[in-house]
Amino acid sequence: MRVTNYFYELPEETKESIYLYEYNLILSKEVEIIQLHRKRSIVYEMKNKGIILKKFLSEGKGDNDIYALLELNSSPYFPKIYAYKKREFLFVEKVNGKTLSQVLKEGITNNELKEIVLKMIEAKKDMMNVDRYDFDFKIEH
């Protein structure tokens, strides 16, 4: 398992949980499945820790997520990556907030929408600056 500089900023208890997962591949009771892509991955949330675990399955072992997050780790528009093991798993920061569709349903001013679009453009620029041309860059992400 490899860790990033962000890993060392985590509380000791959280670091220990991540290390235990790497050695035993055992998840504690404080983890729940939040998304399942049948052949590609299982996404877990470490409750009350603000961390997501993505476990790669047989058809999801291309490591694209790992490489992308490592390349974009200085961008404020992408989650921090804490630890990973190629072809197996990654631990990342849980991103809080609402999707654009949720915001639009609740109502939004033109100025707020303009601000969101400008931030999306900045995020795309960050991607292009590291030669990341992700064709899966969708508004709901």
Protein backbone atom coordinates (compact mmCIF):
# COMPACT_ATOMS: atom_id res chain seq x y z
CA MET A 1 0.00 0.00 0.00
CA ARG A 2 1.18 3.50 -0.76
CA VAL A 3 0.15 6.56 1.22
CA THR A 4 0.20 10.23 0.27
CA ASN A 5 1.19 13.24 2.35
CA TYR A 6 -2.51 13.76 3.17
CA PHE A 7 -2.53 10.40 4.96
CA TYR A 8 -0.24 11.75 7.67
CA GLU A 9 -2.74 14.51 8.46
CA LEU A 10 -5.41 11.97 9.44
CA PRO A 11 -6.18 11.09 13.07
CA GLU A 12 -4.22 8.09 14.37
CA GLU A 13 -7.37 5.99 14.71
CA THR A 14 -8.23 6.56 11.04
CA LYS A 15 -4.70 5.73 9.88
CA GLU A 16 -4.86 2.53 11.92
CA SER A 17 -8.18 1.55 10.28
CA ILE A 18 -6.65 2.03 6.85
CA TYR A 19 -3.56 -0.01 7.75
CA LEU A 20 -5.74 -2.79 9.17
CA TYR A 21 -7.76 -2.90 5.96
CA GLU A 22 -4.58 -3.21 3.91
CA TYR A 23 -3.23 -6.11 5.96
CA ASN A 24 -6.45 -7.98 6.67
CA LEU A 25 -8.88 -6.65 4.08
CA ILE A 26 -11.38 -6.50 6.93
CA LEU A 27 -13.81 -3.65 7.30
CA SER A 28 -15.05 -2.50 10.65
CA LYS A 29 -18.69 -2.02 11.61
CA GLU A 30 -18.29 1.70 10.97
CA VAL A 31 -18.19 1.13 7.20
CA GLU A 32 -21.19 0.84 4.90
CA ILE A 33 -21.63 0.23 1.18
CA ILE A 34 -22.87 3.36 -0.57
CA GLN A 35 -22.45 2.35 -4.22
CA LEU A 36 -22.04 -0.90 -6.10
CA HIS A 37 -20.86 -1.19 -9.70
CA ARG A 38 -21.41 -4.89 -10.23
CA LYS A 39 -18.22 -5.74 -12.05
CA ARG A 40 -16.08 -2.67 -11.48
CA SER A 41 -16.06 -1.57 -7.84
CA ILE A 42 -17.69 -1.33 -4.45
CA VAL A 43 -17.68 2.07 -2.73
CA TYR A 44 -17.81 2.22 1.06
CA GLU A 45 -18.09 5.13 3.44
CA MET A 46 -16.13 5.13 6.67
CA LYS A 47 -18.79 6.67 8.90
CA ASN A 48 -17.86 9.78 10.89
CA LYS A 49 -14.41 9.88 9.30
CA GLY A 50 -15.10 11.70 6.04
CA ILE A 51 -13.38 8.97 4.03
CA ILE A 52 -14.45 6.82 1.10
CA LEU A 53 -12.98 3.40 0.29
CA LYS A 54 -13.25 2.24 -3.31
CA LYS A 55 -12.52 -1.47 -3.72
CA PHE A 56 -11.82 -2.50 -7.30
CA LEU A 57 -13.43 -5.67 -8.63
CA SER A 58 -12.37 -7.85 -11.55
CA GLU A 59 -13.34 -5.47 -14.37
CA GLY A 60 -12.43 -2.24 -12.56
CA LYS A 61 -8.72 -2.69 -12.07
CA GLY A 62 -7.46 -0.13 -14.56
CA ASP A 63 -6.26 2.20 -11.79
CA ASN A 64 -7.50 5.26 -13.71
CA ASP A 65 -9.05 6.75 -10.58
CA ILE A 66 -5.79 6.40 -8.67
CA TYR A 67 -3.66 8.01 -11.37
CA ALA A 68 -6.14 10.83 -11.94
CA LEU A 69 -6.35 11.73 -8.25
CA LEU A 70 -2.59 11.58 -7.82
CA GLU A 71 -2.12 13.93 -10.77
CA LEU A 72 -4.84 16.29 -9.53
CA ASN A 73 -3.95 16.21 -5.82
CA SER A 74 -3.10 19.92 -5.69
CA SER A 75 -6.43 20.98 -7.19
CA PRO A 76 -9.10 22.21 -4.76
CA TYR A 77 -11.77 20.74 -7.06
CA PHE A 78 -10.88 17.08 -6.56
CA PRO A 79 -10.85 14.92 -3.42
CA LYS A 80 -7.62 14.17 -1.58
CA ILE A 81 -6.27 10.66 -1.98
CA TYR A 82 -4.96 9.20 1.28
CA ALA A 83 -3.84 5.67 0.44
CA TYR A 84 -4.06 3.16 -2.37
CA LYS A 85 -2.94 -0.20 -3.62
CA LYS A 86 -2.84 -0.52 -7.37
CA ARG A 87 -5.47 -2.84 -8.81
CA GLU A 88 -7.05 -3.29 -5.37
CA PHE A 89 -8.35 -0.19 -3.55
CA LEU A 90 -8.08 3.50 -2.77
CA PHE A 91 -9.04 5.68 0.20
CA VAL A 92 -10.14 9.24 -0.63
CA GLU A 93 -11.69 12.25 1.01
CA LYS A 94 -15.48 12.19 1.09
CA VAL A 95 -16.80 15.15 -0.86
CA ASN A 96 -19.75 16.80 0.83
CA GLY A 97 -22.33 18.93 -0.82
CA LYS A 98 -25.11 18.69 -3.34
CA THR A 99 -25.22 17.67 -6.95
CA LEU A 100 -26.03 20.33 -9.51
CA SER A 101 -29.40 18.70 -10.14
CA GLN A 102 -30.24 18.98 -6.40
CA VAL A 103 -29.25 22.64 -6.38
CA LEU A 104 -31.33 23.36 -9.47
CA LYS A 105 -34.38 21.63 -7.98
CA GLU A 106 -34.07 23.75 -4.82
CA GLY A 107 -33.73 26.93 -6.84
CA ILE A 108 -30.70 28.97 -7.79
CA THR A 109 -30.01 32.50 -8.95
CA ASN A 110 -28.28 33.28 -12.23
CA ASN A 111 -25.24 34.57 -10.31
CA GLU A 112 -25.00 31.34 -8.31
CA LEU A 113 -25.27 29.30 -11.51
CA LYS A 114 -22.55 31.44 -13.12
CA GLU A 115 -20.28 30.81 -10.11
CA ILE A 116 -20.82 27.04 -10.41
CA VAL A 117 -20.06 27.06 -14.13
CA LEU A 118 -16.87 29.08 -13.56
CA LYS A 119 -15.72 26.55 -10.94
CA MET A 120 -16.43 23.69 -13.35
CA ILE A 121 -14.31 25.46 -15.98
CA GLU A 122 -11.49 25.85 -13.45
CA ALA A 123 -11.71 22.14 -12.58
CA LYS A 124 -11.55 21.23 -16.26
CA LYS A 125 -8.52 23.53 -16.69
CA ASP A 126 -6.80 21.74 -13.78
CA MET A 127 -7.44 18.45 -15.58
CA MET A 128 -6.09 19.74 -18.87
CA ASN A 129 -2.97 21.12 -17.15
CA VAL A 130 -1.98 17.54 -16.28
CA ASP A 131 -3.12 16.13 -19.63
CA ARG A 132 -6.22 14.55 -18.10
CA TYR A 133 -8.97 14.55 -20.68
CA ASP A 134 -11.72 12.70 -18.87
CA PHE A 135 -14.67 12.10 -21.15
CA ASP A 136 -16.72 11.12 -18.09
CA PHE A 137 -16.65 14.69 -16.73
CA LYS A 138 -20.37 15.16 -16.11
CA ILE A 139 -22.34 17.85 -14.38
CA GLU A 140 -23.64 15.40 -11.76
CA HIS A 141 -20.08 14.53 -10.70
